Amino acid sequence: MEESIRNTSSSEDEAFTKEWWIVQIEAWHESGLSVKDWCERENVCTYAQFIRSRLKYCPEYATPSREKEYTVEGWSALEIDTAAYFTIECRDVQLTIEKGFDHDLLREVLEVIRT
């Protein structure tokens, strides 16, 4: 597929039909790959698009929720799912971080967002 499909805005997620997303999500599930690895291999959508669409169209395939929300001075919220990922919201930016992330890179990104 064309690279133009890989747009990260959530409004672009709507360009794909619900049926298309369900087929992609089922293909990922059957592959046994992590979402990150599947998205890189298939190159049909971004990780963020896949996660949003999986939660919207196939929540049964989402990681069971064990999230806790914390409020930190200067930040909107920090949600942690100890099983697979956590989400950070700061100003108008939302980041979903998977296990194995680069701590130094995250620190640098957060500094940029805060300024």
N, C-alpha and C. Protein backbone atom coordinates (compact mmCIF):
# COMPACT_ATOMS: atom_id res chain seq x y z
N MET A 1 0.83 -1.19 0.00
CA MET A 1 0.00 0.00 0.00
C MET A 1 0.87 1.25 0.00
N GLU A 2 0.28 2.36 -0.34
CA GLU A 2 1.03 3.59 -0.42
C GLU A 2 1.44 4.09 0.96
N GLU A 3 2.59 4.75 1.01
CA GLU A 3 3.08 5.30 2.27
C GLU A 3 2.15 6.37 2.82
N SER A 4 1.37 7.04 1.96
CA SER A 4 0.48 8.11 2.41
C SER A 4 -0.56 7.61 3.41
N ILE A 5 -0.80 6.31 3.45
CA ILE A 5 -1.76 5.75 4.40
C ILE A 5 -1.25 5.92 5.83
N ARG A 6 0.05 5.95 6.01
CA ARG A 6 0.63 5.95 7.35
C ARG A 6 0.60 7.35 7.97
N ASN A 7 -0.56 7.95 8.08
CA ASN A 7 -0.75 9.24 8.71
C ASN A 7 -1.15 8.99 10.16
N THR A 8 -0.60 9.74 11.10
CA THR A 8 -0.85 9.46 12.51
C THR A 8 -2.05 10.19 13.09
N SER A 9 -2.72 11.04 12.35
CA SER A 9 -3.85 11.76 12.93
C SER A 9 -5.04 10.84 13.08
N SER A 10 -5.76 10.98 14.20
CA SER A 10 -6.88 10.10 14.46
C SER A 10 -7.99 10.31 13.45
N SER A 11 -8.13 11.51 12.87
CA SER A 11 -9.16 11.72 11.85
C SER A 11 -8.88 10.88 10.61
N GLU A 12 -7.62 10.60 10.33
CA GLU A 12 -7.27 9.76 9.19
C GLU A 12 -7.65 8.30 9.44
N ASP A 13 -7.79 7.89 10.70
CA ASP A 13 -8.20 6.53 11.00
C ASP A 13 -9.57 6.25 10.38
N GLU A 14 -10.40 7.29 10.28
CA GLU A 14 -11.74 7.13 9.74
C GLU A 14 -11.72 6.85 8.24
N ALA A 15 -10.60 7.10 7.56
CA ALA A 15 -10.50 6.83 6.12
C ALA A 15 -10.63 5.34 5.84
N PHE A 16 -10.29 4.52 6.81
CA PHE A 16 -10.42 3.08 6.68
C PHE A 16 -11.77 2.66 7.26
N THR A 17 -12.40 1.70 6.65
CA THR A 17 -13.70 1.26 7.15
C THR A 17 -13.53 0.38 8.39
N LYS A 18 -14.62 0.25 9.11
CA LYS A 18 -14.63 -0.63 10.28
C LYS A 18 -14.27 -2.05 9.85
N GLU A 19 -14.83 -2.48 8.75
CA GLU A 19 -14.56 -3.84 8.26
C GLU A 19 -13.09 -4.04 7.94
N TRP A 20 -12.47 -3.01 7.31
CA TRP A 20 -11.04 -3.09 6.99
C TRP A 20 -10.23 -3.26 8.26
N TRP A 21 -10.55 -2.45 9.29
CA TRP A 21 -9.81 -2.55 10.54
C TRP A 21 -9.98 -3.92 11.19
N ILE A 22 -11.18 -4.45 11.17
CA ILE A 22 -11.42 -5.76 11.79
C ILE A 22 -10.59 -6.83 11.10
N VAL A 23 -10.52 -6.79 9.78
CA VAL A 23 -9.69 -7.75 9.04
C VAL A 23 -8.22 -7.60 9.45
N GLN A 24 -7.72 -6.37 9.56
CA GLN A 24 -6.32 -6.13 9.94
C GLN A 24 -6.06 -6.61 11.36
N ILE A 25 -6.98 -6.31 12.26
CA ILE A 25 -6.81 -6.70 13.67
C ILE A 25 -6.82 -8.21 13.81
N GLU A 26 -7.71 -8.89 13.09
CA GLU A 26 -7.73 -10.35 13.14
C GLU A 26 -6.46 -10.95 12.54
N ALA A 27 -5.96 -10.32 11.46
CA ALA A 27 -4.71 -10.81 10.86
C ALA A 27 -3.56 -10.65 11.85
N TRP A 28 -3.51 -9.51 12.56
CA TRP A 28 -2.48 -9.32 13.58
C TRP A 28 -2.61 -10.39 14.66
N HIS A 29 -3.83 -10.58 15.15
CA HIS A 29 -4.06 -11.53 16.25
C HIS A 29 -3.61 -12.94 15.85
N GLU A 30 -3.94 -13.34 14.64
CA GLU A 30 -3.57 -14.68 14.16
C GLU A 30 -2.07 -14.81 13.92
N SER A 31 -1.39 -13.68 13.68
CA SER A 31 0.05 -13.73 13.38
C SER A 31 0.89 -14.10 14.60
N GLY A 32 0.39 -13.77 15.79
CA GLY A 32 1.16 -14.02 17.01
C GLY A 32 2.25 -12.98 17.25
N LEU A 33 2.36 -11.99 16.39
CA LEU A 33 3.37 -10.93 16.54
C LEU A 33 2.89 -9.86 17.51
N SER A 34 3.85 -9.11 18.03
CA SER A 34 3.47 -7.93 18.81
C SER A 34 2.87 -6.92 17.84
N VAL A 35 2.10 -5.96 18.35
CA VAL A 35 1.51 -4.93 17.50
C VAL A 35 2.61 -4.18 16.77
N LYS A 36 3.66 -3.83 17.49
CA LYS A 36 4.76 -3.08 16.89
C LYS A 36 5.38 -3.85 15.72
N ASP A 37 5.69 -5.13 15.95
CA ASP A 37 6.31 -5.95 14.90
C ASP A 37 5.36 -6.14 13.72
N TRP A 38 4.08 -6.36 14.00
CA TRP A 38 3.11 -6.57 12.92
C TRP A 38 2.97 -5.30 12.08
N CYS A 39 2.86 -4.14 12.73
CA CYS A 39 2.73 -2.87 12.00
C CYS A 39 3.95 -2.61 11.13
N GLU A 40 5.14 -2.90 11.65
CA GLU A 40 6.36 -2.72 10.87
C GLU A 40 6.41 -3.68 9.68
N ARG A 41 6.00 -4.91 9.89
CA ARG A 41 6.04 -5.91 8.82
C ARG A 41 5.00 -5.62 7.74
N GLU A 42 3.77 -5.32 8.14
CA GLU A 42 2.69 -5.13 7.17
C GLU A 42 2.70 -3.74 6.53
N ASN A 43 3.15 -2.73 7.27
CA ASN A 43 3.28 -1.37 6.76
C ASN A 43 1.97 -0.83 6.17
N VAL A 44 0.84 -1.12 6.84
CA VAL A 44 -0.46 -0.63 6.37
C VAL A 44 -1.02 0.48 7.26
N CYS A 45 -0.47 0.62 8.44
CA CYS A 45 -0.92 1.65 9.37
C CYS A 45 0.17 1.88 10.41
N THR A 46 0.02 2.94 11.17
CA THR A 46 0.97 3.19 12.24
C THR A 46 0.56 2.42 13.49
N TYR A 47 1.49 2.30 14.40
CA TYR A 47 1.21 1.66 15.69
C TYR A 47 0.05 2.37 16.39
N ALA A 48 0.10 3.70 16.43
CA ALA A 48 -0.94 4.48 17.13
C ALA A 48 -2.31 4.27 16.49
N GLN A 49 -2.37 4.26 15.17
CA GLN A 49 -3.65 4.01 14.49
C GLN A 49 -4.18 2.62 14.85
N PHE A 50 -3.28 1.65 14.87
CA PHE A 50 -3.70 0.28 15.16
C PHE A 50 -4.25 0.18 16.58
N ILE A 51 -3.55 0.75 17.54
CA ILE A 51 -3.98 0.68 18.93
C ILE A 51 -5.35 1.33 19.10
N ARG A 52 -5.51 2.55 18.53
CA ARG A 52 -6.82 3.23 18.64
C ARG A 52 -7.93 2.41 18.01
N SER A 53 -7.66 1.86 16.84
CA SER A 53 -8.69 1.09 16.13
C SER A 53 -8.98 -0.23 16.82
N ARG A 54 -7.96 -0.86 17.38
CA ARG A 54 -8.19 -2.11 18.11
C ARG A 54 -9.09 -1.86 19.30
N LEU A 55 -8.86 -0.77 20.03
CA LEU A 55 -9.71 -0.44 21.17
C LEU A 55 -11.13 -0.10 20.73
N LYS A 56 -11.25 0.55 19.58
CA LYS A 56 -12.56 0.99 19.08
C LYS A 56 -13.38 -0.17 18.51
N TYR A 57 -12.75 -1.01 17.66
CA TYR A 57 -13.48 -2.03 16.92
C TYR A 57 -13.37 -3.44 17.49
N CYS A 58 -12.30 -3.75 18.17
CA CYS A 58 -12.10 -5.11 18.70
C CYS A 58 -11.53 -5.04 20.12
N PRO A 59 -12.26 -4.46 21.04
CA PRO A 59 -11.71 -4.32 22.41
C PRO A 59 -11.39 -5.66 23.06
N GLU A 60 -11.98 -6.73 22.56
CA GLU A 60 -11.69 -8.05 23.14
C GLU A 60 -10.25 -8.47 22.89
N TYR A 61 -9.58 -7.86 21.89
CA TYR A 61 -8.18 -8.15 21.61
C TYR A 61 -7.23 -7.20 22.33
N ALA A 62 -7.77 -6.22 23.02
CA ALA A 62 -6.92 -5.27 23.74
C ALA A 62 -6.40 -5.93 25.01
N THR A 63 -5.28 -5.43 25.49
CA THR A 63 -4.70 -5.93 26.72
C THR A 63 -5.67 -5.66 27.87
N PRO A 64 -5.90 -6.64 28.73
CA PRO A 64 -6.80 -6.40 29.86
C PRO A 64 -6.36 -5.16 30.65
N SER A 65 -7.31 -4.37 31.02
CA SER A 65 -7.00 -3.10 31.68
C SER A 65 -6.63 -3.31 33.14
N ARG A 66 -5.45 -2.86 33.47
CA ARG A 66 -5.00 -2.81 34.87
C ARG A 66 -4.39 -1.44 35.08
N GLU A 67 -5.05 -0.43 34.51
CA GLU A 67 -4.49 0.91 34.52
C GLU A 67 -4.81 1.64 35.81
N LYS A 68 -3.89 2.47 36.21
CA LYS A 68 -4.06 3.36 37.34
C LYS A 68 -3.70 4.74 36.84
N GLU A 69 -4.45 5.73 37.25
CA GLU A 69 -4.17 7.08 36.79
C GLU A 69 -3.52 7.86 37.93
N TYR A 70 -2.47 8.56 37.59
CA TYR A 70 -1.76 9.39 38.54
C TYR A 70 -1.73 10.81 38.01
N THR A 71 -1.83 11.77 38.88
CA THR A 71 -1.67 13.16 38.47
C THR A 71 -0.34 13.64 38.99
N VAL A 72 0.46 14.21 38.11
CA VAL A 72 1.78 14.70 38.46
C VAL A 72 1.80 16.19 38.20
N GLU A 73 2.35 16.97 39.12
CA GLU A 73 2.43 18.42 38.95
C GLU A 73 2.98 18.78 37.58
N GLY A 74 2.23 19.59 36.83
CA GLY A 74 2.69 20.04 35.53
C GLY A 74 2.30 19.12 34.38
N TRP A 75 1.71 17.98 34.70
CA TRP A 75 1.31 17.03 33.67
C TRP A 75 -0.19 16.77 33.80
N SER A 76 -0.82 16.40 32.70
CA SER A 76 -2.25 16.10 32.74
C SER A 76 -2.50 14.78 33.45
N ALA A 77 -1.90 13.72 32.95
CA ALA A 77 -2.15 12.41 33.54
C ALA A 77 -1.08 11.43 33.08
N LEU A 78 -0.91 10.41 33.87
CA LEU A 78 -0.03 9.31 33.53
C LEU A 78 -0.81 8.05 33.81
N GLU A 79 -1.05 7.25 32.79
CA GLU A 79 -1.75 5.99 32.96
C GLU A 79 -0.76 4.86 32.75
N ILE A 80 -0.78 3.89 33.63
CA ILE A 80 0.15 2.78 33.53
C ILE A 80 -0.61 1.47 33.46
N ASP A 81 -0.34 0.70 32.43
CA ASP A 81 -0.84 -0.66 32.30
C ASP A 81 0.38 -1.55 32.48
N THR A 82 0.46 -2.21 33.60
CA THR A 82 1.66 -2.97 33.91
C THR A 82 1.88 -4.15 32.98
N ALA A 83 0.89 -4.49 32.18
CA ALA A 83 1.02 -5.64 31.30
C ALA A 83 1.74 -5.32 30.00
N ALA A 84 1.48 -4.14 29.40
CA ALA A 84 2.01 -3.95 28.05
C ALA A 84 2.47 -2.54 27.72
N TYR A 85 1.83 -1.53 28.24
CA TYR A 85 2.15 -0.17 27.83
C TYR A 85 1.66 0.84 28.86
N PHE A 86 2.07 2.09 28.68
CA PHE A 86 1.47 3.16 29.46
C PHE A 86 1.28 4.37 28.57
N THR A 87 0.38 5.23 28.99
CA THR A 87 0.03 6.41 28.20
C THR A 87 0.34 7.65 29.02
N ILE A 88 0.97 8.61 28.37
CA ILE A 88 1.29 9.89 29.00
C ILE A 88 0.54 10.97 28.23
N GLU A 89 -0.14 11.84 28.97
CA GLU A 89 -0.80 12.99 28.35
C GLU A 89 -0.17 14.25 28.91
N CYS A 90 0.23 15.13 28.02
CA CYS A 90 0.82 16.40 28.42
C CYS A 90 0.35 17.45 27.43
N ARG A 91 -0.32 18.46 27.95
CA ARG A 91 -0.90 19.50 27.09
C ARG A 91 -1.82 18.82 26.09
N ASP A 92 -1.62 19.01 24.82
CA ASP A 92 -2.48 18.37 23.81
C ASP A 92 -1.83 17.14 23.18
N VAL A 93 -0.82 16.60 23.82
CA VAL A 93 -0.07 15.46 23.26
C VAL A 93 -0.35 14.22 24.09
N GLN A 94 -0.60 13.10 23.41
CA GLN A 94 -0.78 11.82 24.08
C GLN A 94 0.22 10.84 23.50
N LEU A 95 1.03 10.21 24.37
CA LEU A 95 2.02 9.23 23.94
C LEU A 95 1.68 7.88 24.54
N THR A 96 1.69 6.84 23.72
CA THR A 96 1.53 5.48 24.21
C THR A 96 2.89 4.82 24.12
N ILE A 97 3.39 4.35 25.25
CA ILE A 97 4.74 3.80 25.35
C ILE A 97 4.66 2.31 25.64
N GLU A 98 5.34 1.51 24.80
CA GLU A 98 5.38 0.06 24.99
C GLU A 98 6.54 -0.37 25.87
N LYS A 99 6.45 -1.60 26.35
CA LYS A 99 7.58 -2.19 27.07
C LYS A 99 8.82 -2.11 26.20
N GLY A 100 9.97 -1.92 26.83
CA GLY A 100 11.23 -1.90 26.10
C GLY A 100 11.55 -0.56 25.47
N PHE A 101 10.83 0.49 25.86
CA PHE A 101 11.08 1.79 25.26
C PHE A 101 12.43 2.35 25.69
N ASP A 102 12.92 3.31 24.92
CA ASP A 102 14.19 3.97 25.19
C ASP A 102 13.95 5.08 26.22
N HIS A 103 14.42 4.90 27.42
CA HIS A 103 14.18 5.83 28.53
C HIS A 103 14.76 7.21 28.23
N ASP A 104 15.95 7.25 27.67
CA ASP A 104 16.58 8.54 27.37
C ASP A 104 15.79 9.30 26.31
N LEU A 105 15.33 8.60 25.29
CA LEU A 105 14.54 9.25 24.25
C LEU A 105 13.24 9.79 24.82
N LEU A 106 12.56 9.02 25.66
CA LEU A 106 11.33 9.48 26.27
C LEU A 106 11.58 10.74 27.10
N ARG A 107 12.66 10.76 27.86
CA ARG A 107 13.02 11.92 28.67
C ARG A 107 13.20 13.16 27.78
N GLU A 108 13.88 12.99 26.66
CA GLU A 108 14.10 14.11 25.73
C GLU A 108 12.78 14.58 25.11
N VAL A 109 11.93 13.65 24.72
CA VAL A 109 10.65 14.01 24.12
C VAL A 109 9.79 14.78 25.14
N LEU A 110 9.75 14.32 26.37
CA LEU A 110 8.96 14.99 27.40
C LEU A 110 9.49 16.40 27.68
N GLU A 111 10.78 16.58 27.63
CA GLU A 111 11.35 17.92 27.82
C GLU A 111 10.90 18.86 26.72
N VAL A 112 10.87 18.36 25.49
CA VAL A 112 10.43 19.19 24.37
C VAL A 112 8.96 19.55 24.53
N ILE A 113 8.14 18.58 24.92
CA ILE A 113 6.70 18.84 25.09
C ILE A 113 6.46 19.85 26.20
N ARG A 114 7.20 19.74 27.28
CA ARG A 114 7.00 20.63 28.43
C ARG A 114 7.36 22.07 28.13
N THR A 115 8.27 22.31 27.19
CA THR A 115 8.69 23.68 26.91
C THR A 115 7.86 24.37 25.87
